[in-house]
């Protein structure tokens, strides 16, 4: 594994974690709006 491959995998997992966080935030907001109604 070269440094380039390691950095690529790091950014790959970071992007996955970021997208998962965004999905979690979106679901929380949606559930909050549903609770309001």
PDB file of N, CA and C in Angstrom:
ATOM      1  N   UNK A   1       0.846  -1.208   0.000  1.00  0.00           N
ATOM      2  CA  UNK A   1       0.000   0.000   0.000  1.00  0.00           C
ATOM      3  C   UNK A   1       0.877   1.252   0.000  1.00  0.00           C
ATOM      4  N   UNK A   2       0.716   2.061  -1.033  1.00  0.00           N
ATOM      5  CA  UNK A   2       1.470   3.313  -1.079  1.00  0.00           C
ATOM      6  C   UNK A   2       0.693   4.399  -0.347  1.00  0.00           C
ATOM      7  N   UNK A   3       1.335   5.531  -0.137  1.00  0.00           N
ATOM      8  CA  UNK A   3       0.664   6.635   0.553  1.00  0.00           C
ATOM      9  C   UNK A   3      -0.571   7.083  -0.217  1.00  0.00           C
ATOM     10  N   UNK A   4      -0.488   7.053  -1.549  1.00  0.00           N
ATOM     11  CA  UNK A   4      -1.621   7.486  -2.372  1.00  0.00           C
ATOM     12  C   UNK A   4      -2.827   6.573  -2.125  1.00  0.00           C
ATOM     13  N   UNK A   5      -2.582   5.262  -2.073  1.00  0.00           N
ATOM     14  CA  UNK A   5      -3.684   4.326  -1.846  1.00  0.00           C
ATOM     15  C   UNK A   5      -4.288   4.529  -0.460  1.00  0.00           C
ATOM     16  N   UNK A   6      -3.435   4.754   0.538  1.00  0.00           N
ATOM     17  CA  UNK A   6      -3.926   4.949   1.906  1.00  0.00           C
ATOM     18  C   UNK A   6      -4.790   6.205   1.975  1.00  0.00           C
ATOM     19  N   UNK A   7      -4.318   7.290   1.367  1.00  0.00           N
ATOM     20  CA  UNK A   7      -5.082   8.542   1.410  1.00  0.00           C
ATOM     21  C   UNK A   7      -6.401   8.373   0.650  1.00  0.00           C
ATOM     22  N   UNK A   8      -6.371   7.595  -0.436  1.00  0.00           N
ATOM     23  CA  UNK A   8      -7.601   7.367  -1.195  1.00  0.00           C
ATOM     24  C   UNK A   8      -8.619   6.621  -0.350  1.00  0.00           C
ATOM     25  N   UNK A   9      -8.177   5.572   0.338  1.00  0.00           N
ATOM     26  CA  UNK A   9      -9.103   4.804   1.176  1.00  0.00           C
ATOM     27  C   UNK A   9      -9.591   5.655   2.338  1.00  0.00           C
ATOM     28  N   UNK A  10      -8.713   6.509   2.886  1.00  0.00           N
ATOM     29  CA  UNK A  10      -9.113   7.381   3.994  1.00  0.00           C
ATOM     30  C   UNK A  10     -10.213   8.334   3.551  1.00  0.00           C
ATOM     31  N   UNK A  11     -10.026   8.985   2.411  1.00  0.00           N
ATOM     32  CA  UNK A  11     -11.041   9.920   1.919  1.00  0.00           C
ATOM     33  C   UNK A  11     -12.329   9.168   1.578  1.00  0.00           C
ATOM     34  N   UNK A  12     -12.173   7.928   1.091  1.00  0.00           N
ATOM     35  CA  UNK A  12     -13.343   7.103   0.753  1.00  0.00           C
ATOM     36  C   UNK A  12     -14.186   6.846   1.993  1.00  0.00           C
ATOM     37  N   UNK A  13     -13.533   6.385   3.077  1.00  0.00           N
ATOM     38  CA  UNK A  13     -14.261   6.098   4.315  1.00  0.00           C
ATOM     39  C   UNK A  13     -14.772   7.375   4.956  1.00  0.00           C
ATOM     40  N   UNK A  14     -14.008   8.470   4.830  1.00  0.00           N
ATOM     41  CA  UNK A  14     -14.456   9.747   5.393  1.00  0.00           C
ATOM     42  C   UNK A  14     -15.723  10.218   4.690  1.00  0.00           C
ATOM     43  N   UNK A  15     -15.767  10.054   3.372  1.00  0.00           N
ATOM     44  CA  UNK A  15     -16.957  10.474   2.621  1.00  0.00           C
ATOM     45  C   UNK A  15     -18.158   9.608   2.999  1.00  0.00           C
ATOM     46  N   UNK A  16     -17.914   8.318   3.223  1.00  0.00           N
ATOM     47  CA  UNK A  16     -19.003   7.423   3.639  1.00  0.00           C
ATOM     48  C   UNK A  16     -19.525   7.837   5.004  1.00  0.00           C
ATOM     49  N   UNK A  17     -18.607   8.122   5.932  1.00  0.00           N
ATOM     50  CA  UNK A  17     -19.008   8.531   7.282  1.00  0.00           C
ATOM     51  C   UNK A  17     -19.778   9.849   7.223  1.00  0.00           C
ATOM     52  N   UNK A  18     -19.325  10.775   6.369  1.00  0.00           N
ATOM     53  CA  UNK A  18     -19.995  12.074   6.254  1.00  0.00           C
ATOM     54  C   UNK A  18     -21.406  11.896   5.695  1.00  0.00           C
ATOM     55  N   UNK A  19     -21.546  11.053   4.680  1.00  0.00           N
ATOM     56  CA  UNK A  19     -22.869  10.835   4.088  1.00  0.00           C
ATOM     57  C   UNK A  19     -23.799  10.150   5.087  1.00  0.00           C
ATOM     58  N   UNK A  20     -23.246   9.238   5.896  1.00  0.00           N
ATOM     59  CA  UNK A  20     -24.060   8.568   6.913  1.00  0.00           C
ATOM     60  C   UNK A  20     -24.535   9.575   7.948  1.00  0.00           C
ATOM     61  N   UNK A  21     -23.649  10.514   8.316  1.00  0.00           N
ATOM     62  CA  UNK A  21     -24.036  11.551   9.275  1.00  0.00           C
ATOM     63  C   UNK A  21     -25.151  12.415   8.698  1.00  0.00           C
ATOM     64  N   UNK A  22     -25.037  12.755   7.411  1.00  0.00           N
ATOM     65  CA  UNK A  22     -26.058  13.581   6.773  1.00  0.00           C
ATOM     66  C   UNK A  22     -27.398  12.839   6.753  1.00  0.00           C
ATOM     67  N   UNK A  23     -27.369  11.543   6.451  1.00  0.00           N
ATOM     68  CA  UNK A  23     -28.600  10.742   6.424  1.00  0.00           C
ATOM     69  C   UNK A  23     -29.223  10.696   7.814  1.00  0.00           C
ATOM     70  N   UNK A  24     -28.362  10.527   8.837  1.00  0.00           N
ATOM     71  CA  UNK A  24     -28.867  10.471  10.206  1.00  0.00           C
ATOM     72  C   UNK A  24     -29.518  11.792  10.595  1.00  0.00           C
ATOM     73  N   UNK A  25     -28.866  12.901  10.235  1.00  0.00           N
ATOM     74  CA  UNK A  25     -29.431  14.217  10.541  1.00  0.00           C
ATOM     75  C   UNK A  25     -30.754  14.413   9.812  1.00  0.00           C
ATOM     76  N   UNK A  26     -30.813  14.002   8.555  1.00  0.00           N
ATOM     77  CA  UNK A  26     -32.039  14.169   7.772  1.00  0.00           C
ATOM     78  C   UNK A  26     -33.178  13.359   8.377  1.00  0.00           C
ATOM     79  N   UNK A  27     -32.900  12.114   8.769  1.00  0.00           N
ATOM     80  CA  UNK A  27     -33.952  11.277   9.355  1.00  0.00           C
ATOM     81  C   UNK A  27     -34.411  11.855  10.680  1.00  0.00           C
ATOM     82  N   UNK A  28     -33.483  12.428  11.448  1.00  0.00           N
ATOM     83  CA  UNK A  28     -33.862  13.032  12.731  1.00  0.00           C
ATOM     84  C   UNK A  28     -34.781  14.229  12.499  1.00  0.00           C
ATOM     85  N   UNK A  29     -34.459  15.060  11.515  1.00  0.00           N
ATOM     86  CA  UNK A  29     -35.296  16.229  11.222  1.00  0.00           C
ATOM     87  C   UNK A  29     -36.674  15.796  10.743  1.00  0.00           C
ATOM     88  N   UNK A  30     -36.712  14.778   9.886  1.00  0.00           N
ATOM     89  CA  UNK A  30     -37.997  14.288   9.363  1.00  0.00           C
ATOM     90  C   UNK A  30     -38.848  13.738  10.500  1.00  0.00           C
ATOM     91  N   UNK A  31     -38.233  12.951  11.384  1.00  0.00           N
ATOM     92  CA  UNK A  31     -38.992  12.376  12.503  1.00  0.00           C
ATOM     93  C   UNK A  31     -39.485  13.479  13.433  1.00  0.00           C
ATOM     94  N   UNK A  32     -38.686  14.537  13.620  1.00  0.00           N
ATOM     95  CA  UNK A  32     -39.108  15.650  14.468  1.00  0.00           C
ATOM     96  C   UNK A  32     -40.328  16.338  13.861  1.00  0.00           C
ATOM     97  N   UNK A  33     -40.303  16.541  12.536  1.00  0.00           N
ATOM     98  CA  UNK A  33     -41.437  17.182  11.869  1.00  0.00           C
ATOM     99  C   UNK A  33     -42.676  16.298  11.970  1.00  0.00           C
ATOM    100  N   UNK A  34     -42.494  14.988  11.852  1.00  0.00           N
ATOM    101  CA  UNK A  34     -43.630  14.073  11.962  1.00  0.00           C
ATOM    102  C   UNK A  34     -44.205  14.120  13.371  1.00  0.00           C
ATOM    103  N   UNK A  35     -43.325  14.227  14.372  1.00  0.00           N
ATOM    104  CA  UNK A  35     -43.799  14.298  15.762  1.00  0.00           C
ATOM    105  C   UNK A  35     -44.587  15.590  15.985  1.00  0.00           C
ATOM    106  N   UNK A  36     -44.161  16.678  15.319  1.00  0.00           N
ATOM    107  CA  UNK A  36     -44.869  17.953  15.470  1.00  0.00           C
ATOM    108  C   UNK A  36     -46.290  17.812  14.938  1.00  0.00           C
ATOM    109  N   UNK A  37     -46.424  17.163  13.790  1.00  0.00           N
ATOM    110  CA  UNK A  37     -47.758  16.969  13.225  1.00  0.00           C
ATOM    111  C   UNK A  37     -48.488  15.904  14.042  1.00  0.00           C
TER     112      UNK A  37
END
